[in-house]
Amino acid sequence: MNKNLLLSNNWSKVVFVFWFAISTFSLTSTLLIWGGNKYLVIAQEVNTEKPSVNNSENTKNADLDYIQKVVEAKLMTNFPDGNFYPERLISRAELATILVRAFYLDQRQATNQKTSITVSDVPRSHWAYQDIQTVLKTDIMRGYRGNMFFPNQRVTRAEGIAIFAQAYGVFQFSNSTVNEILAAYPDQNSIPTWARRAIATVITEGFINTDNNGNLNPLTPMTRGDIAYLLSQYLQRQKKQPEMPVVPTNLQF
C-alpha cells in the first residue's frame, strides 16, 4: 500500500491505517491525526500473533535447557507443532499473562478491588482480559493515554526487563550504584533512564542474558527466548536451598 498516497487524501480528521508486512508476518495498525497540513502518527501497534516459519526459529524446547525448565513449570508453552519459537517477539498481552503466572499476581491484595480498569482495546472477550486487569490493578504494567493498552504491541528488552523487575521487586540502588553495575556492559549508555535501576536489579540477581559481545541490547524487541531465560533464572532462585546441618553445641575439642 502506498502510504504517502493515503496521507494525501484529506478525507478525515482521524484515521486508522492498516498494512500487512509479508516479511515479518505481522499486521500493523497506525493511528493518524490531521495536524492542519499533514497527518501525524500518534500510536502504532504491531500484531505479531502468528509465529514465523523461519527454520532458524524452529527450535525444539528440548534443545535449550532453560526453555525446557520454563515449559515444565507451565509458565510458557510450546506451539501445537511442538516448537517453542524462541525468536518470536513478545507482545504486551503475552508478557502480562506470563508474569501473572510466574509471580502469582492474581493473589495480590490489589486484585481484590471489584471495579475493572477500563481499557478500550481490551474487551472482556479478549483472551488475556483477566491477566491484563491483574497487571493493571497491581501496577505492574500501565496503559497508555486514552485508556489504551495496545495488547499486541511488541515489547523492547528494556521494557520487558523493567516490567519483570517491577513484578519481582526493584532494588532501590543509588544512582552511583546503578551506574557502577551497568558500567560493565558496552552498550549501557543506550539504556533508557527510566529502566536503569530495574535492569541493574535483574543483573544483580543474575537473571540477565546478553549477546556474544556482552551487550544488553535494551532497545531491541524482546523475544520469547529472552523472557524464558529470565524466568528460568528466577525459577532457579526459587528452588529450596538445602537446610544447614544442626551442629551440636556440646562438642569437645
C-alpha atoms as a PDB file:
ATOM      1  CA  MET A   1       0.000   0.000   0.000  1.00  0.00           C
ATOM      2  CA  ASN A   2       1.275   3.477  -0.854  1.00  0.00           C
ATOM      3  CA  LYS A   3       1.066   5.268   2.499  1.00  0.00           C
ATOM      4  CA  ASN A   4       2.050   8.627   1.014  1.00  0.00           C
ATOM      5  CA  LEU A   5      -0.901   8.495  -1.345  1.00  0.00           C
ATOM      6  CA  LEU A   6      -3.204   7.667   1.534  1.00  0.00           C
ATOM      7  CA  LEU A   7      -1.930  10.557   3.609  1.00  0.00           C
ATOM      8  CA  SER A   8      -2.508  12.994   0.761  1.00  0.00           C
ATOM      9  CA  ASN A   9      -6.243  12.360   0.800  1.00  0.00           C
ATOM     10  CA  ASN A  10      -7.672  14.768   3.365  1.00  0.00           C
ATOM     11  CA  TRP A  11     -10.900  12.881   3.893  1.00  0.00           C
ATOM     12  CA  SER A  12     -10.917  12.583   7.655  1.00  0.00           C
ATOM     13  CA  LYS A  13      -9.517  14.162  10.773  1.00  0.00           C
ATOM     14  CA  VAL A  14      -8.559  10.848  12.365  1.00  0.00           C
ATOM     15  CA  VAL A  15      -7.990   7.578  10.556  1.00  0.00           C
ATOM     16  CA  PHE A  16      -6.605   4.126  11.198  1.00  0.00           C
ATOM     17  CA  VAL A  17      -4.175   2.742   8.630  1.00  0.00           C
ATOM     18  CA  PHE A  18      -3.584  -0.983   8.302  1.00  0.00           C
ATOM     19  CA  TRP A  19      -0.938  -2.727   6.229  1.00  0.00           C
ATOM     20  CA  PHE A  20       0.439  -6.236   6.091  1.00  0.00           C
ATOM     21  CA  ALA A  21       4.207  -6.842   6.198  1.00  0.00           C
ATOM     22  CA  ILE A  22       4.805 -10.180   4.479  1.00  0.00           C
ATOM     23  CA  SER A  23       8.447 -10.437   5.526  1.00  0.00           C
ATOM     24  CA  THR A  24       7.576 -10.485   9.238  1.00  0.00           C
ATOM     25  CA  PHE A  25       4.087 -11.982   9.078  1.00  0.00           C
ATOM     26  CA  SER A  26       2.776  -9.021  11.015  1.00  0.00           C
ATOM     27  CA  LEU A  27      -0.275  -6.816  10.790  1.00  0.00           C
ATOM     28  CA  THR A  28       0.430  -3.183  11.629  1.00  0.00           C
ATOM     29  CA  SER A  29      -2.167  -0.603  12.617  1.00  0.00           C
ATOM     30  CA  THR A  30      -1.329   3.085  12.911  1.00  0.00           C
ATOM     31  CA  LEU A  31      -3.494   5.841  14.382  1.00  0.00           C
ATOM     32  CA  LEU A  32      -3.146   9.108  12.463  1.00  0.00           C
ATOM     33  CA  ILE A  33      -4.480  12.549  13.328  1.00  0.00           C
ATOM     34  CA  TRP A  34      -4.734  15.562  10.988  1.00  0.00           C
ATOM     35  CA  GLY A  35      -2.334  18.279  12.060  1.00  0.00           C
ATOM     36  CA  GLY A  36      -3.517  21.038   9.679  1.00  0.00           C
ATOM     37  CA  ASN A  37      -1.245  20.321   6.739  1.00  0.00           C
ATOM     38  CA  LYS A  38      -0.323  16.659   7.277  1.00  0.00           C
ATOM     39  CA  TYR A  39      -1.237  13.547   9.227  1.00  0.00           C
ATOM     40  CA  LEU A  40       0.733  12.797  12.378  1.00  0.00           C
ATOM     41  CA  VAL A  41       1.355   9.316  13.733  1.00  0.00           C
ATOM     42  CA  ILE A  42       0.278   9.190  17.407  1.00  0.00           C
ATOM     43  CA  ALA A  43       0.228   5.435  18.043  1.00  0.00           C
ATOM     44  CA  GLN A  44       1.272   2.248  16.322  1.00  0.00           C
ATOM     45  CA  GLU A  45       0.565  -1.357  17.126  1.00  0.00           C
ATOM     46  CA  VAL A  46       2.060  -4.460  15.551  1.00  0.00           C
ATOM     47  CA  ASN A  47       0.203  -7.746  15.782  1.00  0.00           C
ATOM     48  CA  THR A  48       2.813 -10.480  15.967  1.00  0.00           C
ATOM     49  CA  GLU A  49       0.407 -13.232  16.935  1.00  0.00           C
ATOM     50  CA  LYS A  50       1.371 -15.513  14.041  1.00  0.00           C
ATOM     51  CA  PRO A  51       4.775 -17.186  14.626  1.00  0.00           C
ATOM     52  CA  SER A  52       7.442 -17.057  11.973  1.00  0.00           C
ATOM     53  CA  VAL A  53       8.096 -20.199   9.979  1.00  0.00           C
ATOM     54  CA  ASN A  54      11.771 -19.410   9.539  1.00  0.00           C
ATOM     55  CA  ASN A  55      13.741 -22.619  10.103  1.00  0.00           C
ATOM     56  CA  SER A  56      16.156 -20.787  12.399  1.00  0.00           C
ATOM     57  CA  GLU A  57      13.254 -20.239  14.782  1.00  0.00           C
ATOM     58  CA  ASN A  58      12.044 -23.825  14.533  1.00  0.00           C
ATOM     59  CA  THR A  59      13.825 -24.803  17.744  1.00  0.00           C
ATOM     60  CA  LYS A  60      12.589 -27.690  19.868  1.00  0.00           C
ATOM     61  CA  ASN A  61      12.235 -26.809  23.521  1.00  0.00           C
ATOM     62  CA  ALA A  62      14.442 -29.795  24.371  1.00  0.00           C
ATOM     63  CA  ASP A  63      17.361 -28.139  22.562  1.00  0.00           C
ATOM     64  CA  LEU A  64      17.557 -25.365  25.151  1.00  0.00           C
ATOM     65  CA  ASP A  65      17.627 -26.353  28.802  1.00  0.00           C
ATOM     66  CA  TYR A  66      16.320 -23.066  30.125  1.00  0.00           C
ATOM     67  CA  ILE A  67      13.330 -23.212  27.785  1.00  0.00           C
ATOM     68  CA  GLN A  68      12.609 -26.763  28.888  1.00  0.00           C
ATOM     69  CA  LYS A  69      12.523 -25.642  32.523  1.00  0.00           C
ATOM     70  CA  VAL A  70      10.083 -22.826  31.816  1.00  0.00           C
ATOM     71  CA  VAL A  71       7.790 -25.079  29.793  1.00  0.00           C
ATOM     72  CA  GLU A  72       7.836 -27.756  32.508  1.00  0.00           C
ATOM     73  CA  ALA A  73       6.911 -25.078  35.066  1.00  0.00           C
ATOM     74  CA  LYS A  74       3.951 -24.164  32.812  1.00  0.00           C
ATOM     75  CA  LEU A  75       4.974 -20.501  32.708  1.00  0.00           C
ATOM     76  CA  MET A  76       5.162 -20.681  28.901  1.00  0.00           C
ATOM     77  CA  THR A  77       4.037 -23.283  26.376  1.00  0.00           C
ATOM     78  CA  ASN A  78       5.119 -24.712  23.061  1.00  0.00           C
ATOM     79  CA  PHE A  79       3.068 -24.209  19.940  1.00  0.00           C
ATOM     80  CA  PRO A  80       0.831 -27.039  18.693  1.00  0.00           C
ATOM     81  CA  ASP A  81       3.633 -28.229  16.393  1.00  0.00           C
ATOM     82  CA  GLY A  82       5.843 -28.899  19.430  1.00  0.00           C
ATOM     83  CA  ASN A  83       8.196 -25.976  18.789  1.00  0.00           C
ATOM     84  CA  PHE A  84       8.875 -23.088  21.151  1.00  0.00           C
ATOM     85  CA  TYR A  85       9.959 -20.466  18.589  1.00  0.00           C
ATOM     86  CA  PRO A  86      12.375 -18.589  20.887  1.00  0.00           C
ATOM     87  CA  GLU A  87      12.931 -15.820  18.304  1.00  0.00           C
ATOM     88  CA  ARG A  88       9.277 -14.888  18.148  1.00  0.00           C
ATOM     89  CA  LEU A  89       8.595 -11.426  19.606  1.00  0.00           C
ATOM     90  CA  ILE A  90       6.669 -10.947  22.842  1.00  0.00           C
ATOM     91  CA  SER A  91       3.527  -8.808  22.946  1.00  0.00           C
ATOM     92  CA  ARG A  92       2.269  -6.835  25.931  1.00  0.00           C
ATOM     93  CA  ALA A  93      -0.650  -9.220  26.393  1.00  0.00           C
ATOM     94  CA  GLU A  94       1.652 -12.254  26.370  1.00  0.00           C
ATOM     95  CA  LEU A  95       4.004 -10.630  28.859  1.00  0.00           C
ATOM     96  CA  ALA A  96       1.098  -9.824  31.171  1.00  0.00           C
ATOM     97  CA  THR A  97      -0.065 -13.441  31.158  1.00  0.00           C
ATOM     98  CA  ILE A  98       3.430 -14.817  31.760  1.00  0.00           C
ATOM     99  CA  LEU A  99       4.074 -12.515  34.718  1.00  0.00           C
ATOM    100  CA  VAL A 100       0.728 -13.284  36.342  1.00  0.00           C
ATOM    101  CA  ARG A 101       1.659 -16.973  36.276  1.00  0.00           C
ATOM    102  CA  ALA A 102       5.260 -16.511  37.394  1.00  0.00           C
ATOM    103  CA  PHE A 103       4.633 -14.142  40.286  1.00  0.00           C
ATOM    104  CA  TYR A 104       1.082 -15.196  41.281  1.00  0.00           C
ATOM    105  CA  LEU A 105      -0.035 -11.635  40.730  1.00  0.00           C
ATOM    106  CA  ASP A 106      -3.699 -12.658  40.874  1.00  0.00           C
ATOM    107  CA  GLN A 107      -3.180 -13.426  44.570  1.00  0.00           C
ATOM    108  CA  ARG A 108      -2.008  -9.945  45.484  1.00  0.00           C
ATOM    109  CA  GLN A 109      -4.321  -7.787  47.535  1.00  0.00           C
ATOM    110  CA  ALA A 110      -4.720  -5.134  44.848  1.00  0.00           C
ATOM    111  CA  THR A 111      -6.619  -7.583  42.641  1.00  0.00           C
ATOM    112  CA  ASN A 112      -9.452  -7.773  45.177  1.00  0.00           C
ATOM    113  CA  GLN A 113     -10.900  -4.484  44.000  1.00  0.00           C
ATOM    114  CA  LYS A 114     -14.134  -5.238  42.191  1.00  0.00           C
ATOM    115  CA  THR A 115     -14.058  -2.268  39.830  1.00  0.00           C
ATOM    116  CA  SER A 116     -12.468  -3.102  36.490  1.00  0.00           C
ATOM    117  CA  ILE A 117      -9.968  -0.772  34.859  1.00  0.00           C
ATOM    118  CA  THR A 118     -11.348   0.275  31.501  1.00  0.00           C
ATOM    119  CA  VAL A 119      -9.055  -0.186  28.511  1.00  0.00           C
ATOM    120  CA  SER A 120     -10.930   0.323  25.270  1.00  0.00           C
ATOM    121  CA  ASP A 121      -8.784  -2.012  23.176  1.00  0.00           C
ATOM    122  CA  VAL A 122      -9.078  -4.959  25.589  1.00  0.00           C
ATOM    123  CA  PRO A 123     -12.737  -6.046  25.763  1.00  0.00           C
ATOM    124  CA  ARG A 124     -13.925  -8.748  28.159  1.00  0.00           C
ATOM    125  CA  SER A 125     -13.845 -11.188  25.268  1.00  0.00           C
ATOM    126  CA  HIS A 126     -10.076 -10.741  24.825  1.00  0.00           C
ATOM    127  CA  TRP A 127      -8.125 -13.908  25.656  1.00  0.00           C
ATOM    128  CA  ALA A 128      -5.855 -12.043  28.100  1.00  0.00           C
ATOM    129  CA  TYR A 129      -8.504  -9.744  29.604  1.00  0.00           C
ATOM    130  CA  GLN A 130      -8.254 -11.067  33.166  1.00  0.00           C
ATOM    131  CA  ASP A 131      -4.447 -11.091  33.207  1.00  0.00           C
ATOM    132  CA  ILE A 132      -4.310  -7.567  31.809  1.00  0.00           C
ATOM    133  CA  GLN A 133      -6.725  -6.444  34.510  1.00  0.00           C
ATOM    134  CA  THR A 134      -4.427  -8.059  37.071  1.00  0.00           C
ATOM    135  CA  VAL A 135      -1.241  -6.317  35.905  1.00  0.00           C
ATOM    136  CA  LEU A 136      -3.080  -3.003  35.731  1.00  0.00           C
ATOM    137  CA  LYS A 137      -4.568  -3.321  39.223  1.00  0.00           C
ATOM    138  CA  THR A 138      -1.220  -4.337  40.715  1.00  0.00           C
ATOM    139  CA  ASP A 139       0.512  -1.514  38.795  1.00  0.00           C
ATOM    140  CA  ILE A 140       2.979  -3.970  37.250  1.00  0.00           C
ATOM    141  CA  MET A 141       2.020  -2.652  33.811  1.00  0.00           C
ATOM    142  CA  ARG A 142       0.260   0.545  32.821  1.00  0.00           C
ATOM    143  CA  GLY A 143      -1.928   1.629  29.949  1.00  0.00           C
ATOM    144  CA  TYR A 144      -1.478   4.500  27.558  1.00  0.00           C
ATOM    145  CA  ARG A 145      -3.304   7.778  27.218  1.00  0.00           C
ATOM    146  CA  GLY A 146      -6.874   7.438  26.101  1.00  0.00           C
ATOM    147  CA  ASN A 147      -7.387   4.226  28.103  1.00  0.00           C
ATOM    148  CA  MET A 148      -5.471   2.093  25.616  1.00  0.00           C
ATOM    149  CA  PHE A 149      -3.310  -0.921  26.468  1.00  0.00           C
ATOM    150  CA  PHE A 150      -2.109  -1.974  22.996  1.00  0.00           C
ATOM    151  CA  PRO A 151      -2.102  -5.702  23.858  1.00  0.00           C
ATOM    152  CA  ASN A 152      -0.427  -6.724  20.581  1.00  0.00           C
ATOM    153  CA  GLN A 153       2.348  -4.134  20.737  1.00  0.00           C
ATOM    154  CA  ARG A 154       5.862  -5.550  20.780  1.00  0.00           C
ATOM    155  CA  VAL A 155       7.967  -5.047  23.912  1.00  0.00           C
ATOM    156  CA  THR A 156      11.596  -3.919  23.869  1.00  0.00           C
ATOM    157  CA  ARG A 157      14.123  -5.676  26.079  1.00  0.00           C
ATOM    158  CA  ALA A 158      14.343  -2.574  28.296  1.00  0.00           C
ATOM    159  CA  GLU A 159      10.563  -2.543  28.709  1.00  0.00           C
ATOM    160  CA  GLY A 160      10.291  -6.283  29.276  1.00  0.00           C
ATOM    161  CA  ILE A 161      13.119  -6.416  31.805  1.00  0.00           C
ATOM    162  CA  ALA A 162      11.801  -3.342  33.644  1.00  0.00           C
ATOM    163  CA  ILE A 163       8.299  -4.842  33.876  1.00  0.00           C
ATOM    164  CA  PHE A 164       9.765  -8.153  35.042  1.00  0.00           C
ATOM    165  CA  ALA A 165      11.736  -6.304  37.722  1.00  0.00           C
ATOM    166  CA  GLN A 166       8.605  -4.424  38.762  1.00  0.00           C
ATOM    167  CA  ALA A 167       6.874  -7.751  39.454  1.00  0.00           C
ATOM    168  CA  TYR A 168       9.978  -9.139  41.178  1.00  0.00           C
ATOM    169  CA  GLY A 169      10.740  -6.013  43.187  1.00  0.00           C
ATOM    170  CA  VAL A 170      13.085  -3.238  42.060  1.00  0.00           C
ATOM    171  CA  PHE A 171      16.069  -2.664  44.345  1.00  0.00           C
ATOM    172  CA  GLN A 172      16.394   0.929  45.480  1.00  0.00           C
ATOM    173  CA  PHE A 173      20.003   1.337  44.459  1.00  0.00           C
ATOM    174  CA  SER A 174      21.552   4.787  44.470  1.00  0.00           C
ATOM    175  CA  ASN A 175      22.330   6.280  41.068  1.00  0.00           C
ATOM    176  CA  SER A 176      26.057   5.764  41.625  1.00  0.00           C
ATOM    177  CA  THR A 177      25.500   2.085  42.404  1.00  0.00           C
ATOM    178  CA  VAL A 178      23.315   1.668  39.324  1.00  0.00           C
ATOM    179  CA  ASN A 179      25.990   3.266  37.154  1.00  0.00           C
ATOM    180  CA  GLU A 180      28.652   1.026  38.670  1.00  0.00           C
ATOM    181  CA  ILE A 181      26.591  -2.115  37.974  1.00  0.00           C
ATOM    182  CA  LEU A 182      25.840  -1.131  34.388  1.00  0.00           C
ATOM    183  CA  ALA A 183      29.371   0.053  33.581  1.00  0.00           C
ATOM    184  CA  ALA A 184      30.437  -3.493  32.676  1.00  0.00           C
ATOM    185  CA  TYR A 185      28.182  -3.534  29.609  1.00  0.00           C
ATOM    186  CA  PRO A 186      29.440  -1.910  26.364  1.00  0.00           C
ATOM    187  CA  ASP A 187      26.009  -0.538  25.397  1.00  0.00           C
ATOM    188  CA  GLN A 188      24.941   0.638  28.844  1.00  0.00           C
ATOM    189  CA  ASN A 189      24.587   4.218  27.595  1.00  0.00           C
ATOM    190  CA  SER A 190      21.679   3.135  25.399  1.00  0.00           C
ATOM    191  CA  ILE A 191      19.607   2.034  28.398  1.00  0.00           C
ATOM    192  CA  PRO A 192      16.697   4.476  28.913  1.00  0.00           C
ATOM    193  CA  THR A 193      16.944   6.389  32.171  1.00  0.00           C
ATOM    194  CA  TRP A 194      13.642   5.001  33.461  1.00  0.00           C
ATOM    195  CA  ALA A 195      14.875   1.400  33.034  1.00  0.00           C
ATOM    196  CA  ARG A 196      18.376   1.642  34.510  1.00  0.00           C
ATOM    197  CA  ARG A 197      17.544   0.816  38.135  1.00  0.00           C
ATOM    198  CA  ALA A 198      15.263  -2.069  37.101  1.00  0.00           C
ATOM    199  CA  ILE A 199      17.885  -3.540  34.775  1.00  0.00           C
ATOM    200  CA  ALA A 200      20.538  -3.154  37.478  1.00  0.00           C
ATOM    201  CA  THR A 201      18.259  -5.181  39.768  1.00  0.00           C
ATOM    202  CA  VAL A 202      17.923  -8.001  37.241  1.00  0.00           C
ATOM    203  CA  ILE A 203      21.697  -8.015  36.673  1.00  0.00           C
ATOM    204  CA  THR A 204      22.409  -8.147  40.399  1.00  0.00           C
ATOM    205  CA  GLU A 205      20.098 -11.132  40.789  1.00  0.00           C
ATOM    206  CA  GLY A 206      21.875 -12.939  37.940  1.00  0.00           C
ATOM    207  CA  PHE A 207      18.790 -13.124  35.719  1.00  0.00           C
ATOM    208  CA  ILE A 208      20.104 -11.211  32.683  1.00  0.00           C
ATOM    209  CA  ASN A 209      21.216 -12.586  29.317  1.00  0.00           C
ATOM    210  CA  THR A 210      23.476 -10.779  26.842  1.00  0.00           C
ATOM    211  CA  ASP A 211      24.695 -11.278  23.288  1.00  0.00           C
ATOM    212  CA  ASN A 212      28.094 -12.720  22.402  1.00  0.00           C
ATOM    213  CA  ASN A 213      29.709  -9.306  22.862  1.00  0.00           C
ATOM    214  CA  GLY A 214      28.250  -8.769  26.311  1.00  0.00           C
ATOM    215  CA  ASN A 215      25.688  -6.225  25.141  1.00  0.00           C
ATOM    216  CA  LEU A 216      22.310  -5.844  26.816  1.00  0.00           C
ATOM    217  CA  ASN A 217      20.578  -4.606  23.641  1.00  0.00           C
ATOM    218  CA  PRO A 218      17.905  -2.730  25.606  1.00  0.00           C
ATOM    219  CA  LEU A 219      16.230  -1.182  22.560  1.00  0.00           C
ATOM    220  CA  THR A 220      15.812  -4.360  20.519  1.00  0.00           C
ATOM    221  CA  PRO A 221      12.497  -6.263  20.674  1.00  0.00           C
ATOM    222  CA  MET A 222      12.213  -8.837  23.428  1.00  0.00           C
ATOM    223  CA  THR A 223      11.824 -12.418  22.248  1.00  0.00           C
ATOM    224  CA  ARG A 224      10.222 -15.492  23.781  1.00  0.00           C
ATOM    225  CA  GLY A 225      13.733 -16.796  24.356  1.00  0.00           C
ATOM    226  CA  ASP A 226      14.668 -13.638  26.286  1.00  0.00           C
ATOM    227  CA  ILE A 227      11.754 -13.855  28.700  1.00  0.00           C
ATOM    228  CA  ALA A 228      12.224 -17.623  29.014  1.00  0.00           C
ATOM    229  CA  TYR A 229      15.829 -17.070  30.122  1.00  0.00           C
ATOM    230  CA  LEU A 230      14.762 -14.532  32.756  1.00  0.00           C
ATOM    231  CA  LEU A 231      12.101 -16.905  34.038  1.00  0.00           C
ATOM    232  CA  SER A 232      14.477 -19.879  34.152  1.00  0.00           C
ATOM    233  CA  GLN A 233      16.948 -17.965  36.292  1.00  0.00           C
ATOM    234  CA  TYR A 234      14.139 -16.787  38.539  1.00  0.00           C
ATOM    235  CA  LEU A 235      12.895 -20.376  38.911  1.00  0.00           C
ATOM    236  CA  GLN A 236      16.400 -21.494  39.824  1.00  0.00           C
ATOM    237  CA  ARG A 237      16.476 -18.878  42.575  1.00  0.00           C
ATOM    238  CA  GLN A 238      13.133 -20.120  43.921  1.00  0.00           C
ATOM    239  CA  LYS A 239      14.394 -23.679  44.449  1.00  0.00           C
ATOM    240  CA  LYS A 240      14.533 -24.615  48.098  1.00  0.00           C
ATOM    241  CA  GLN A 241      18.039 -24.331  49.423  1.00  0.00           C
ATOM    242  CA  PRO A 242      19.424 -27.297  51.399  1.00  0.00           C
ATOM    243  CA  GLU A 243      18.930 -26.902  55.110  1.00  0.00           C
ATOM    244  CA  MET A 244      22.002 -26.201  57.204  1.00  0.00           C
ATOM    245  CA  PRO A 245      23.017 -29.207  59.344  1.00  0.00           C
ATOM    246  CA  VAL A 246      22.375 -28.876  63.032  1.00  0.00           C
ATOM    247  CA  VAL A 247      25.695 -28.631  64.835  1.00  0.00           C
ATOM    248  CA  PRO A 248      25.695 -29.922  68.427  1.00  0.00           C
ATOM    249  CA  THR A 249      26.734 -27.265  70.909  1.00  0.00           C
ATOM    250  CA  ASN A 250      28.281 -29.642  73.423  1.00  0.00           C
ATOM    251  CA  LEU A 251      31.153 -30.901  71.295  1.00  0.00           C
ATOM    252  CA  GLN A 252      34.540 -31.013  72.982  1.00  0.00           C
ATOM    253  CA  PHE A 253      37.784 -30.463  71.081  1.00  0.00           C
END
